[in-house]
Amino acid sequence: MQVGDEYEHHYFFCLGVSSWGMKEDDYKRITYDITMAAASLLSRLNGDMTFCYVSGEGTYGSEKGPMMWTRVKGKTENDILKLPSKGAFMFRPGYIRPTKGLKNAYRMSTVMGTVYPFLRAIAPKHVCTLEELGLAMINVTQSGCEKHVLENVDIRKLGASQKV
C-alpha cells in the first residue's frame, strides 16, 4: 500500500500506558522519553509535519499537577509544542468508548461502554468515542484548528465535523 503525498506529513502518536502502580521514572521513560525521541526525530526529518499526540484529560500544562502523570503529560505536551512543525495538536480525551468489536480494549472500557449513553448524558465534557477521536485527529491534519490543546468537547466537535 502506498501512502499519498497528502498524508506523509501527518503523524499520530497514540502510544501510552496507565500510570497505575508505576514509579515516576518508569512512567516518564515511556510517556516522555519515547514520545520526545519520536517527535524530535520526525521534526528534524520533516519540519513541515503535523504531529497529533494523545495525552489525557486532567493533564496540567503548568507541569505542577497534583498527580505524577499529569505533570509528565504536561511536560510532554509543552515540549512537543516547542518543536518546529507545521502544527502540533494535543488531544486530551477522558473516557474513550471503544469501537464495537475491538479485540484489544481493556475489559473495564468494554464494560463501561455499555453505560456510555448514560455517561455522555451526565458528564459530556469527560467522554468521547474512539471513532470521534480518530476522526478529530484526521480532521486537524486536513483542516487545521485554532486550538492546539483539545479537550473532549473539542474532540467530539472535530470528530463530527466531517466523516472521512
Protein backbone atom coordinates (compact mmCIF):
# COMPACT_ATOMS: atom_id res chain seq x y z
CA MET A 1 0.00 0.00 0.00
CA GLN A 2 1.41 3.38 -0.95
CA VAL A 3 0.51 6.44 1.06
CA GLY A 4 -0.21 9.55 -0.98
CA ASP A 5 1.85 12.71 -0.57
CA GLU A 6 -1.00 14.47 1.21
CA TYR A 7 -0.68 12.06 4.16
CA GLU A 8 3.05 11.58 4.59
CA HIS A 9 3.45 14.69 6.73
CA HIS A 10 0.95 13.70 9.42
CA TYR A 11 1.94 11.69 12.47
CA PHE A 12 -0.41 10.25 15.09
CA PHE A 13 1.34 9.33 18.32
CA CYS A 14 -1.02 7.20 20.39
CA LEU A 15 1.41 5.13 22.46
CA GLY A 16 0.84 5.14 26.19
CA VAL A 17 0.48 3.22 29.41
CA SER A 18 -1.53 3.60 32.57
CA SER A 19 0.40 5.22 35.41
CA TRP A 20 -1.35 2.93 37.88
CA GLY A 21 1.31 1.37 40.12
CA MET A 22 4.25 2.85 38.21
CA LYS A 23 7.18 4.79 39.62
CA GLU A 24 7.60 8.26 38.12
CA ASP A 25 10.94 7.43 36.45
CA ASP A 26 9.45 4.39 34.71
CA TYR A 27 6.34 6.28 33.62
CA LYS A 28 8.46 9.22 32.38
CA ARG A 29 10.70 6.88 30.37
CA ILE A 30 7.70 5.53 28.45
CA THR A 31 5.48 8.60 28.31
CA TYR A 32 8.01 11.40 27.89
CA ASP A 33 11.30 9.92 26.67
CA ILE A 34 9.91 7.67 23.92
CA THR A 35 7.41 10.32 22.76
CA MET A 36 10.04 13.06 22.60
CA ALA A 37 12.55 10.81 20.82
CA ALA A 38 9.96 10.10 18.11
CA ALA A 39 8.64 13.68 17.89
CA SER A 40 12.15 15.21 17.81
CA LEU A 41 13.33 12.84 15.09
CA LEU A 42 10.23 13.41 12.97
CA SER A 43 10.56 17.18 13.41
CA ARG A 44 14.20 17.09 12.33
CA LEU A 45 13.37 14.95 9.30
CA ASN A 46 10.29 16.93 8.31
CA GLY A 47 9.67 20.39 9.76
CA ASP A 48 6.51 20.56 7.66
CA MET A 49 4.84 17.82 9.68
CA THR A 50 1.62 17.84 11.67
CA PHE A 51 2.01 15.92 14.93
CA CYS A 52 -1.01 14.64 16.88
CA TYR A 53 -0.36 13.43 20.41
CA VAL A 54 -2.90 11.58 22.54
CA SER A 55 -2.41 12.90 26.06
CA GLY A 56 -5.21 12.73 28.62
CA GLU A 57 -7.92 14.69 30.38
CA GLY A 58 -6.57 16.25 33.54
CA THR A 59 -3.11 16.96 32.13
CA TYR A 60 -1.53 20.08 33.65
CA GLY A 61 0.20 22.31 31.12
CA SER A 62 1.84 24.04 34.10
CA GLU A 63 3.65 20.76 34.84
CA LYS A 64 2.66 21.26 38.50
CA GLY A 65 -0.34 18.96 38.75
CA PRO A 66 -1.18 17.04 41.93
CA MET A 67 -0.57 13.62 40.34
CA MET A 68 2.64 12.40 38.76
CA TRP A 69 1.08 11.52 35.40
CA THR A 70 -0.47 14.99 35.00
CA ARG A 71 2.97 16.59 35.32
CA VAL A 72 4.70 14.16 32.95
CA LYS A 73 1.97 14.53 30.31
CA GLY A 74 2.09 18.33 30.73
CA LYS A 75 5.84 18.43 30.12
CA THR A 76 5.45 16.11 27.13
CA GLU A 77 2.78 18.36 25.59
CA ASN A 78 4.80 21.54 26.23
CA ASP A 79 7.97 20.12 24.70
CA ILE A 80 6.14 18.80 21.62
CA LEU A 81 4.61 22.26 21.10
CA LYS A 82 8.14 23.78 21.13
CA LEU A 83 9.34 21.61 18.24
CA PRO A 84 9.46 23.06 14.72
CA SER A 85 6.43 21.81 12.83
CA LYS A 86 3.53 22.90 10.66
CA GLY A 87 1.24 22.10 13.57
CA ALA A 88 1.10 20.12 16.79
CA PHE A 89 -2.13 19.08 18.46
CA MET A 90 -2.54 17.64 21.94
CA PHE A 91 -5.65 15.51 22.34
CA ARG A 92 -6.90 15.16 25.91
CA PRO A 93 -9.62 12.53 25.95
CA GLY A 94 -11.18 11.37 29.20
CA TYR A 95 -13.07 8.12 28.94
CA ILE A 96 -12.86 6.77 25.38
CA ARG A 97 -15.67 4.44 24.36
CA PRO A 98 -14.06 1.66 22.32
CA THR A 99 -15.32 0.78 18.88
CA LYS A 100 -17.64 -2.23 18.89
CA GLY A 101 -15.75 -5.42 18.21
CA LEU A 102 -12.34 -4.00 19.16
CA LYS A 103 -10.37 -7.01 20.33
CA ASN A 104 -7.69 -5.35 22.45
CA ALA A 105 -9.79 -2.92 24.54
CA TYR A 106 -9.39 -3.04 28.31
CA ARG A 107 -12.11 -5.15 29.85
CA MET A 108 -13.19 -2.20 32.04
CA SER A 109 -13.56 0.00 28.95
CA THR A 110 -15.75 -2.61 27.32
CA VAL A 111 -17.95 -2.84 30.43
CA MET A 112 -18.09 0.96 30.73
CA GLY A 113 -19.06 1.13 27.05
CA THR A 114 -22.43 -0.37 27.93
CA VAL A 115 -23.24 2.65 30.11
CA TYR A 116 -21.70 5.16 27.69
CA PRO A 117 -25.02 6.80 26.71
CA PHE A 118 -25.65 7.50 30.40
CA LEU A 119 -22.09 8.82 30.92
CA ARG A 120 -22.40 11.07 27.89
CA ALA A 121 -25.70 12.42 29.22
CA ILE A 122 -24.43 13.21 32.73
CA ALA A 123 -20.77 14.03 32.00
CA PRO A 124 -20.49 15.12 28.34
CA LYS A 125 -17.26 17.06 28.97
CA HIS A 126 -15.47 13.89 30.04
CA VAL A 127 -16.21 11.34 27.31
CA CYS A 128 -15.76 10.67 23.60
CA THR A 129 -15.74 7.66 21.31
CA LEU A 130 -12.69 6.12 19.70
CA GLU A 131 -14.21 6.96 16.31
CA GLU A 132 -14.62 10.64 17.28
CA LEU A 133 -11.01 10.77 18.49
CA GLY A 134 -9.69 9.20 15.28
CA LEU A 135 -11.77 11.44 13.03
CA ALA A 136 -10.77 14.53 15.02
CA MET A 137 -7.11 13.66 14.55
CA ILE A 138 -7.58 13.20 10.81
CA ASN A 139 -9.63 16.40 10.54
CA VAL A 140 -7.00 18.62 12.22
CA THR A 141 -4.35 17.33 9.83
CA GLN A 142 -6.57 18.19 6.89
CA SER A 143 -8.12 21.47 8.02
CA GLY A 144 -6.05 22.65 10.99
CA CYS A 145 -7.50 24.06 14.18
CA GLU A 146 -7.01 27.29 16.11
CA LYS A 147 -6.62 25.40 19.37
CA HIS A 148 -3.59 23.20 19.91
CA VAL A 149 -4.80 21.57 23.11
CA LEU A 150 -8.07 19.77 22.50
CA GLU A 151 -10.38 18.57 25.27
CA ASN A 152 -13.26 16.07 24.96
CA VAL A 153 -15.77 18.69 23.78
CA ASP A 154 -13.34 19.80 21.05
CA ILE A 155 -12.62 16.20 20.09
CA ARG A 156 -16.31 15.37 19.72
CA LYS A 157 -16.95 18.52 17.68
CA LEU A 158 -13.98 17.87 15.36
CA GLY A 159 -14.88 14.20 15.10
CA ALA A 160 -18.39 15.08 13.96
CA SER A 161 -17.39 17.95 11.65
CA GLN A 162 -16.89 15.67 8.67
CA LYS A 163 -16.87 11.94 8.18
CA VAL A 164 -13.70 10.88 6.42
